[in-house]
Amino acid sequence: MRNALLILGILLFIAGPAAKIYHLDYANNYLIASALGLVMITAIGFVKKK
């Protein structure tokens, strides 16, 4: 589960800048999702494995 969340966070983090580069519709929403992905990656980095 942890790896799946990490992969999802990375994909969200990459999607925002890619949407801006390719001038997609609603690119600002993708940037918000990118920030959410960054928060997910950071949170997973600080939460210890059991």
N, C-alpha and C. Protein backbone atom coordinates (compact mmCIF):
# COMPACT_ATOMS: atom_id res chain seq x y z
N MET A 1 0.83 -1.19 0.00
CA MET A 1 0.00 0.00 0.00
C MET A 1 0.87 1.26 0.00
N ARG A 2 1.96 1.18 0.76
CA ARG A 2 2.86 2.32 0.85
C ARG A 2 3.49 2.64 -0.51
N ASN A 3 3.89 1.59 -1.22
CA ASN A 3 4.50 1.79 -2.54
C ASN A 3 3.49 2.35 -3.54
N ALA A 4 2.25 1.89 -3.45
CA ALA A 4 1.22 2.39 -4.36
C ALA A 4 0.97 3.88 -4.13
N LEU A 5 0.93 4.30 -2.87
CA LEU A 5 0.74 5.72 -2.56
C LEU A 5 1.93 6.55 -3.01
N LEU A 6 3.12 5.99 -2.89
CA LEU A 6 4.31 6.69 -3.34
C LEU A 6 4.30 6.88 -4.86
N ILE A 7 3.92 5.85 -5.59
CA ILE A 7 3.83 5.95 -7.05
C ILE A 7 2.76 6.95 -7.46
N LEU A 8 1.61 6.92 -6.78
CA LEU A 8 0.55 7.89 -7.07
C LEU A 8 1.02 9.31 -6.81
N GLY A 9 1.73 9.52 -5.71
CA GLY A 9 2.25 10.85 -5.40
C GLY A 9 3.24 11.34 -6.44
N ILE A 10 4.09 10.46 -6.91
CA ILE A 10 5.07 10.83 -7.93
C ILE A 10 4.37 11.19 -9.24
N LEU A 11 3.37 10.39 -9.62
CA LEU A 11 2.65 10.68 -10.86
C LEU A 11 1.90 12.01 -10.78
N LEU A 12 1.30 12.28 -9.63
CA LEU A 12 0.62 13.56 -9.46
C LEU A 12 1.61 14.71 -9.51
N PHE A 13 2.78 14.51 -8.91
CA PHE A 13 3.80 15.55 -8.87
C PHE A 13 4.30 15.88 -10.27
N ILE A 14 4.38 14.88 -11.13
CA ILE A 14 4.86 15.09 -12.51
C ILE A 14 3.76 15.66 -13.40
N ALA A 15 2.51 15.35 -13.10
CA ALA A 15 1.40 15.75 -13.97
C ALA A 15 1.22 17.27 -14.05
N GLY A 16 1.44 17.98 -12.97
CA GLY A 16 1.23 19.43 -12.95
C GLY A 16 2.11 20.18 -13.93
N PRO A 17 3.43 20.05 -13.81
CA PRO A 17 4.31 20.75 -14.76
C PRO A 17 4.12 20.29 -16.20
N ALA A 18 3.82 19.00 -16.39
CA ALA A 18 3.61 18.49 -17.74
C ALA A 18 2.37 19.14 -18.36
N ALA A 19 1.33 19.34 -17.57
CA ALA A 19 0.11 19.99 -18.08
C ALA A 19 0.39 21.44 -18.46
N LYS A 20 1.22 22.12 -17.69
CA LYS A 20 1.57 23.51 -18.02
C LYS A 20 2.40 23.57 -19.30
N ILE A 21 3.33 22.64 -19.46
CA ILE A 21 4.19 22.65 -20.64
C ILE A 21 3.38 22.41 -21.91
N TYR A 22 2.43 21.48 -21.84
CA TYR A 22 1.64 21.13 -23.02
C TYR A 22 0.37 21.98 -23.15
N HIS A 23 0.21 22.98 -22.29
CA HIS A 23 -0.91 23.92 -22.34
C HIS A 23 -2.26 23.20 -22.37
N LEU A 24 -2.43 22.25 -21.47
CA LEU A 24 -3.69 21.53 -21.38
C LEU A 24 -4.76 22.41 -20.74
N ASP A 25 -6.02 22.09 -21.02
CA ASP A 25 -7.11 22.79 -20.36
C ASP A 25 -7.06 22.48 -18.86
N TYR A 26 -7.44 23.45 -18.07
CA TYR A 26 -7.45 23.31 -16.61
C TYR A 26 -6.08 22.93 -16.05
N ALA A 27 -5.03 23.50 -16.59
CA ALA A 27 -3.67 23.20 -16.14
C ALA A 27 -3.46 23.63 -14.69
N ASN A 28 -4.16 24.66 -14.25
CA ASN A 28 -4.01 25.09 -12.87
C ASN A 28 -4.53 24.03 -11.90
N ASN A 29 -5.56 23.30 -12.29
CA ASN A 29 -6.04 22.21 -11.44
C ASN A 29 -4.99 21.10 -11.34
N TYR A 30 -4.28 20.87 -12.43
CA TYR A 30 -3.22 19.87 -12.40
C TYR A 30 -2.09 20.33 -11.48
N LEU A 31 -1.84 21.62 -11.42
CA LEU A 31 -0.80 22.12 -10.52
C LEU A 31 -1.21 21.94 -9.06
N ILE A 32 -2.49 22.09 -8.77
CA ILE A 32 -2.98 21.83 -7.41
C ILE A 32 -2.79 20.35 -7.08
N ALA A 33 -3.09 19.48 -8.02
CA ALA A 33 -2.88 18.05 -7.82
C ALA A 33 -1.39 17.74 -7.64
N SER A 34 -0.54 18.49 -8.33
CA SER A 34 0.90 18.32 -8.19
C SER A 34 1.35 18.67 -6.78
N ALA A 35 0.79 19.72 -6.22
CA ALA A 35 1.11 20.08 -4.84
C ALA A 35 0.64 18.99 -3.88
N LEU A 36 -0.52 18.42 -4.15
CA LEU A 36 -1.01 17.32 -3.33
C LEU A 36 -0.07 16.12 -3.41
N GLY A 37 0.44 15.84 -4.59
CA GLY A 37 1.41 14.76 -4.76
C GLY A 37 2.68 15.01 -3.98
N LEU A 38 3.14 16.26 -3.96
CA LEU A 38 4.34 16.61 -3.19
C LEU A 38 4.10 16.41 -1.71
N VAL A 39 2.92 16.77 -1.24
CA VAL A 39 2.57 16.56 0.18
C VAL A 39 2.54 15.07 0.50
N MET A 40 2.00 14.27 -0.42
CA MET A 40 1.95 12.82 -0.20
C MET A 40 3.36 12.23 -0.11
N ILE A 41 4.23 12.65 -1.01
CA ILE A 41 5.61 12.14 -1.01
C ILE A 41 6.31 12.52 0.28
N THR A 42 6.13 13.76 0.70
CA THR A 42 6.76 14.24 1.93
C THR A 42 6.22 13.49 3.15
N ALA A 43 4.91 13.29 3.20
CA ALA A 43 4.32 12.60 4.34
C ALA A 43 4.80 11.15 4.41
N ILE A 44 4.91 10.49 3.27
CA ILE A 44 5.38 9.11 3.26
C ILE A 44 6.84 9.05 3.71
N GLY A 45 7.61 10.07 3.37
CA GLY A 45 9.01 10.12 3.78
C GLY A 45 9.19 10.27 5.27
N PHE A 46 8.26 10.92 5.95
CA PHE A 46 8.39 11.16 7.39
C PHE A 46 7.70 10.10 8.24
N VAL A 47 6.78 9.36 7.67
CA VAL A 47 6.09 8.32 8.42
C VAL A 47 6.97 7.07 8.45
N LYS A 48 7.20 6.55 9.63
CA LYS A 48 8.09 5.39 9.76
C LYS A 48 7.34 4.11 9.41
N LYS A 49 8.09 3.17 8.85
CA LYS A 49 7.53 1.84 8.57
C LYS A 49 7.38 1.10 9.89
N LYS A 50 6.37 0.25 9.93
CA LYS A 50 6.18 -0.56 11.14
C LYS A 50 6.82 -1.90 10.98
